[in-house]
Amino acid sequence: MNRVNHSVVFELVFLGLSNSWEIQLLLFVFSSVFYVASVMGNLLIVLTVTSDPHLQSPMYFLLANLSIVDLIFCSTTAPKMIYDLFREHKTISFGGCVVQIFFIHAVGGMEMVLLIAMAFDRYVAICKPLHYLNIMSPKRCILFLLASWIIGLIHSVAQLAFVTDLPFCGPNELDSFFCDLPRFIKLACIETYTLEFMVTANSGLISVVSFLILIISYIFILVTVQKKSSGAISRALSTLSAHVTVVILFFGPLIFFYIWPFPTSQLDKFLAIFDAIITPSKSSDLYFQK
């Protein structure tokens, strides 16, 4: 299909979160506080790691890059959502919507890879401490970082490839506060059930597989530690607690969103707010405390 001939939608309209002024005010305060906390917390982690010579280990290198990814992730949707809360006409250009989808999926893919890299780092630190610096060399850390960017970009481009040639010729309302790919596809002027299933299955499968890899790795670490020393299990749990919490906060809403067979608009919006604003702020808080 020729998108130039078929696509006549120049802007999209967000239906937003609520039409109630009181709820909008509550959401404005709530979202603003958590967004500012997320930005400040992640910036503080990046500045602390880069400025403190005692924090130049592989773990903190990966943590600083995870904080940068969280900054990009929350800034992709939160500012626009906060800005639109009191606007009667919540619109975004067609191109702006595509760019937002690209960054959401690219940064999401990057974060998954970085979380897996951090789980590997914890495995080496806990189970093979004498070989830690050799295994987690600067070169390997850079490779982990490059892999996260490459995989994130490939995932995002692959998702957008599904919609490149879709004809958009009329409907332009999204029942959301950001450009969500499944709802974006529904605006096309053709039957899109198969395409929606493929996009949802793609992201859902990646989320579930990444989550299972992380959980299995944490279980493997604990089992290995317990075999070596039963008393060391509490120290391992203390070390892994922040990582496990961040993994659950990040993957929980994603898996529920893509896997739950009975989606509802209000629940999806709540999960989107949780994933876009609350998770990055809580992640920075948990890691900074550790």
Protein backbone atom coordinates (compact mmCIF):
# COMPACT_ATOMS: atom_id res chain seq x y z
CA MET A 1 0.00 0.00 0.00
CA ASN A 2 1.11 3.54 -0.61
CA ARG A 3 0.93 5.38 2.67
CA VAL A 4 1.10 8.78 0.95
CA ASN A 5 -2.07 8.03 -1.01
CA HIS A 6 -4.01 6.47 1.89
CA SER A 7 -2.94 8.26 5.08
CA VAL A 8 -4.94 11.47 5.50
CA VAL A 9 -4.81 11.65 9.32
CA PHE A 10 -2.51 14.51 10.30
CA GLU A 11 -3.14 14.55 14.04
CA LEU A 12 -4.52 12.24 16.71
CA VAL A 13 -6.77 13.10 19.64
CA PHE A 14 -6.19 11.63 23.10
CA LEU A 15 -9.35 11.00 25.12
CA GLY A 16 -7.20 11.34 28.25
CA LEU A 17 -7.62 9.89 31.70
CA SER A 18 -10.79 11.52 33.03
CA ASN A 19 -13.24 14.34 32.38
CA SER A 20 -13.66 15.10 36.08
CA TRP A 21 -11.88 18.32 37.13
CA GLU A 22 -11.21 16.93 40.63
CA ILE A 23 -9.64 13.74 39.28
CA GLN A 24 -7.61 15.74 36.77
CA LEU A 25 -6.26 17.93 39.58
CA LEU A 26 -5.38 14.86 41.63
CA LEU A 27 -3.66 13.25 38.66
CA PHE A 28 -1.78 16.47 37.93
CA VAL A 29 -0.35 16.66 41.45
CA PHE A 30 0.30 12.91 41.63
CA SER A 31 1.97 12.69 38.21
CA SER A 32 4.01 15.87 38.67
CA VAL A 33 5.40 14.72 42.02
CA PHE A 34 6.38 11.29 40.75
CA TYR A 35 7.80 12.64 37.48
CA VAL A 36 9.96 15.21 39.26
CA ALA A 37 11.04 12.52 41.76
CA SER A 38 11.94 10.21 38.87
CA VAL A 39 13.97 12.86 37.04
CA MET A 40 15.78 14.06 40.17
CA GLY A 41 16.41 10.54 41.48
CA ASN A 42 17.82 9.18 38.23
CA LEU A 43 19.89 12.31 37.60
CA LEU A 44 21.28 12.04 41.12
CA ILE A 45 22.32 8.42 40.48
CA VAL A 46 24.02 9.34 37.19
CA LEU A 47 25.85 12.32 38.72
CA THR A 48 26.88 10.36 41.81
CA VAL A 49 28.25 7.43 39.82
CA THR A 50 30.13 9.61 37.33
CA SER A 51 31.63 11.93 39.94
CA ASP A 52 32.58 9.46 42.70
CA PRO A 53 35.82 7.52 41.94
CA HIS A 54 34.76 4.83 44.43
CA LEU A 55 31.74 3.96 42.30
CA GLN A 56 33.54 3.00 39.10
CA SER A 57 32.65 -0.70 39.30
CA PRO A 58 30.71 -2.59 36.58
CA MET A 59 27.54 -2.66 38.71
CA TYR A 60 27.43 1.13 39.00
CA PHE A 61 28.29 1.55 35.31
CA LEU A 62 25.22 -0.52 34.42
CA LEU A 63 23.14 1.26 37.07
CA ALA A 64 24.02 4.70 35.68
CA ASN A 65 23.01 3.61 32.19
CA LEU A 66 19.78 2.10 33.52
CA SER A 67 19.02 5.47 35.14
CA ILE A 68 19.61 7.24 31.82
CA VAL A 69 17.21 4.82 30.13
CA ASP A 70 14.63 5.43 32.89
CA LEU A 71 15.00 9.18 32.36
CA ILE A 72 14.29 8.82 28.65
CA PHE A 73 11.44 6.38 29.28
CA CYS A 74 9.52 8.55 31.74
CA SER A 75 10.16 11.70 29.68
CA THR A 76 8.68 10.10 26.56
CA THR A 77 5.10 10.16 27.85
CA ALA A 78 4.83 11.90 31.26
CA PRO A 79 5.44 15.57 30.26
CA LYS A 80 2.87 15.38 27.46
CA MET A 81 0.36 13.69 29.76
CA ILE A 82 0.81 16.32 32.50
CA TYR A 83 0.58 19.14 29.95
CA ASP A 84 -2.63 17.72 28.47
CA LEU A 85 -4.50 17.15 31.75
CA PHE A 86 -6.26 20.54 31.73
CA ARG A 87 -6.45 20.95 27.96
CA GLU A 88 -9.80 20.48 26.29
CA HIS A 89 -8.25 19.31 23.02
CA LYS A 90 -5.49 16.78 23.68
CA THR A 91 -3.79 16.28 20.34
CA ILE A 92 -0.52 15.00 18.91
CA SER A 93 0.69 15.06 15.32
CA PHE A 94 0.72 11.80 13.38
CA GLY A 95 4.51 11.95 13.08
CA GLY A 96 4.85 12.80 16.77
CA CYS A 97 2.77 9.74 17.63
CA VAL A 98 5.04 7.47 15.56
CA VAL A 99 8.13 8.98 17.24
CA GLN A 100 6.60 8.39 20.68
CA ILE A 101 5.88 4.74 19.83
CA PHE A 102 9.45 4.34 18.55
CA PHE A 103 11.01 5.65 21.78
CA ILE A 104 8.66 3.69 24.06
CA HIS A 105 9.59 0.37 22.46
CA ALA A 106 13.28 1.19 21.91
CA VAL A 107 13.83 2.29 25.50
CA GLY A 108 11.72 -0.59 26.83
CA GLY A 109 13.91 -3.07 24.94
CA MET A 110 17.07 -1.39 26.22
CA GLU A 111 15.86 -1.60 29.81
CA MET A 112 15.12 -5.32 29.53
CA VAL A 113 18.65 -6.05 28.28
CA LEU A 114 20.24 -3.87 30.98
CA LEU A 115 18.24 -5.61 33.70
CA ILE A 116 19.45 -8.99 32.40
CA ALA A 117 23.02 -7.65 32.32
CA MET A 118 22.68 -6.48 35.93
CA ALA A 119 21.36 -9.92 36.93
CA PHE A 120 24.45 -11.48 35.32
CA ASP A 121 26.63 -8.97 37.16
CA ARG A 122 25.05 -9.98 40.50
CA TYR A 123 25.52 -13.67 39.66
CA VAL A 124 29.24 -13.17 39.04
CA ALA A 125 29.67 -10.93 42.12
CA ILE A 126 27.92 -13.40 44.46
CA CYS A 127 28.86 -16.77 42.99
CA LYS A 128 32.29 -16.05 41.49
CA PRO A 129 33.68 -13.09 43.47
CA LEU A 130 37.35 -13.96 42.81
CA HIS A 131 36.79 -13.77 39.04
CA TYR A 132 34.46 -10.76 39.13
CA LEU A 133 36.79 -8.12 37.67
CA ASN A 134 38.04 -10.48 34.95
CA ILE A 135 34.55 -11.53 33.86
CA MET A 136 32.92 -8.10 34.23
CA SER A 137 35.69 -6.28 32.40
CA PRO A 138 35.17 -2.77 30.99
CA LYS A 139 35.04 -4.28 27.50
CA ARG A 140 32.22 -6.64 28.49
CA CYS A 141 30.29 -3.82 30.15
CA ILE A 142 30.52 -1.78 26.95
CA LEU A 143 29.33 -4.81 24.98
CA PHE A 144 26.32 -5.14 27.30
CA LEU A 145 25.53 -1.46 26.74
CA LEU A 146 25.88 -1.72 22.96
CA ALA A 147 23.73 -4.86 22.94
CA SER A 148 21.00 -3.04 24.87
CA TRP A 149 20.93 -0.19 22.34
CA ILE A 150 21.04 -2.49 19.31
CA ILE A 151 18.34 -4.87 20.61
CA GLY A 152 16.15 -1.96 21.71
CA LEU A 153 16.39 -0.31 18.28
CA ILE A 154 15.76 -3.59 16.44
CA HIS A 155 12.72 -4.32 18.60
CA SER A 156 11.28 -0.85 18.02
CA VAL A 157 11.89 -0.87 14.27
CA ALA A 158 10.38 -4.37 14.04
CA GLN A 159 7.24 -3.16 15.84
CA LEU A 160 6.89 -0.10 13.61
CA ALA A 161 7.44 -2.25 10.51
CA PHE A 162 4.00 -3.74 11.18
CA VAL A 163 2.33 -0.35 10.69
CA THR A 164 4.48 1.38 8.06
CA ASP A 165 2.05 0.86 5.18
CA LEU A 166 -1.25 0.90 7.05
CA PRO A 167 -3.87 3.30 5.62
CA PHE A 168 -5.15 5.88 8.14
CA CYS A 169 -8.08 7.63 6.54
CA GLY A 170 -10.54 8.82 9.17
CA PRO A 171 -10.75 7.73 12.84
CA ASN A 172 -8.22 9.65 14.93
CA GLU A 173 -9.25 9.22 18.59
CA LEU A 174 -7.05 7.23 20.98
CA ASP A 175 -8.60 6.21 24.30
CA SER A 176 -5.33 6.84 26.10
CA PHE A 177 -2.92 9.62 27.13
CA PHE A 178 -0.05 8.47 24.94
CA CYS A 179 0.48 6.69 21.63
CA ASP A 180 -0.04 3.03 22.40
CA LEU A 181 0.78 0.76 19.44
CA PRO A 182 -2.19 -1.68 19.71
CA ARG A 183 -4.70 1.20 19.90
CA PHE A 184 -2.82 3.07 17.16
CA ILE A 185 -3.21 0.09 14.83
CA LYS A 186 -6.97 -0.01 15.49
CA LEU A 187 -7.29 3.40 13.79
CA ALA A 188 -6.30 1.93 10.42
CA CYS A 189 -8.98 1.72 7.76
CA ILE A 190 -8.64 -2.04 7.31
CA GLU A 191 -9.30 -5.13 9.44
CA THR A 192 -6.37 -5.31 11.86
CA TYR A 193 -7.15 -8.20 14.23
CA THR A 194 -4.28 -10.38 12.97
CA LEU A 195 -1.86 -7.46 13.05
CA GLU A 196 -2.91 -6.49 16.58
CA PHE A 197 -2.39 -10.08 17.70
CA MET A 198 1.10 -10.20 16.14
CA VAL A 199 2.19 -6.91 17.75
CA THR A 200 0.77 -7.87 21.14
CA ALA A 201 2.25 -11.37 20.98
CA ASN A 202 5.64 -9.94 19.98
CA SER A 203 5.90 -7.56 22.93
CA GLY A 204 4.19 -9.97 25.32
CA LEU A 205 6.52 -12.85 24.45
CA ILE A 206 9.62 -10.68 24.82
CA SER A 207 8.41 -9.39 28.20
CA VAL A 208 7.55 -12.85 29.54
CA VAL A 209 10.79 -14.47 28.32
CA SER A 210 12.93 -11.65 29.76
CA PHE A 211 11.06 -11.82 33.07
CA LEU A 212 11.49 -15.61 33.30
CA ILE A 213 15.21 -15.34 32.50
CA LEU A 214 15.63 -12.83 35.33
CA ILE A 215 13.60 -14.78 37.89
CA ILE A 216 15.37 -18.07 37.04
CA SER A 217 18.75 -16.33 37.33
CA TYR A 218 17.87 -15.00 40.80
CA ILE A 219 16.68 -18.44 41.92
CA PHE A 220 19.88 -19.98 40.56
CA ILE A 221 21.97 -17.45 42.49
CA LEU A 222 20.15 -18.21 45.76
CA VAL A 223 20.41 -21.98 45.27
CA THR A 224 24.14 -21.70 44.50
CA VAL A 225 24.73 -19.53 47.57
CA GLN A 226 22.76 -21.87 49.81
CA LYS A 227 24.86 -24.85 48.68
CA LYS A 228 28.07 -23.02 49.55
CA SER A 229 26.96 -21.50 52.86
CA SER A 230 23.53 -21.47 54.48
CA GLY A 231 24.43 -18.31 56.39
CA ALA A 232 25.20 -16.38 53.22
CA ILE A 233 21.64 -16.63 51.93
CA SER A 234 20.51 -13.59 53.93
CA ARG A 235 23.33 -11.46 52.46
CA ALA A 236 22.44 -12.62 48.95
CA LEU A 237 18.77 -11.77 49.54
CA SER A 238 19.77 -8.32 50.78
CA THR A 239 21.91 -7.77 47.67
CA LEU A 240 19.21 -8.97 45.28
CA SER A 241 16.18 -7.37 46.94
CA ALA A 242 16.39 -4.07 45.05
CA HIS A 243 16.95 -5.83 41.71
CA VAL A 244 14.02 -8.21 42.19
CA THR A 245 11.71 -5.35 43.24
CA VAL A 246 12.65 -3.27 40.18
CA VAL A 247 12.14 -6.27 37.88
CA ILE A 248 8.65 -6.90 39.30
CA LEU A 249 7.73 -3.19 39.09
CA PHE A 250 8.92 -2.98 35.48
CA PHE A 251 7.62 -6.28 34.08
CA GLY A 252 4.44 -6.64 36.14
CA PRO A 253 2.38 -3.97 34.33
CA LEU A 254 3.88 -4.91 30.93
CA ILE A 255 3.02 -8.59 31.21
CA PHE A 256 -0.45 -7.85 32.54
CA PHE A 257 -1.06 -5.35 29.73
CA TYR A 258 0.00 -7.72 26.94
CA ILE A 259 -1.08 -11.09 28.34
CA TRP A 260 -4.32 -10.43 30.26
CA PRO A 261 -7.14 -11.75 28.01
CA PHE A 262 -9.81 -9.30 29.28
CA PRO A 263 -8.37 -5.80 28.75
CA THR A 264 -10.24 -2.77 30.04
CA SER A 265 -9.52 0.82 29.15
CA GLN A 266 -9.34 2.17 32.72
CA LEU A 267 -7.12 -0.65 33.94
CA ASP A 268 -4.79 -0.22 30.96
CA LYS A 269 -4.52 3.49 31.70
CA PHE A 270 -3.69 2.83 35.37
CA LEU A 271 -0.99 0.32 34.37
CA ALA A 272 0.40 2.79 31.83
CA ILE A 273 0.67 5.53 34.49
CA PHE A 274 2.30 3.06 36.86
CA ASP A 275 4.85 1.95 34.25
CA ALA A 276 5.58 5.42 32.86
CA ILE A 277 5.84 7.45 36.08
CA ILE A 278 5.85 5.39 39.27
CA THR A 279 8.25 2.60 38.24
CA PRO A 280 11.16 4.90 37.17
CA SER A 281 10.85 6.94 40.39
CA LYS A 282 10.69 3.85 42.63
CA SER A 283 13.57 2.22 40.75
CA SER A 284 15.86 5.18 41.38
CA ASP A 285 14.76 5.32 45.01
CA LEU A 286 15.43 1.61 45.61
CA TYR A 287 18.85 1.64 43.95
CA PHE A 288 19.91 4.87 45.62
CA GLN A 289 19.03 3.42 49.03
CA LYS A 290 21.11 0.33 48.29
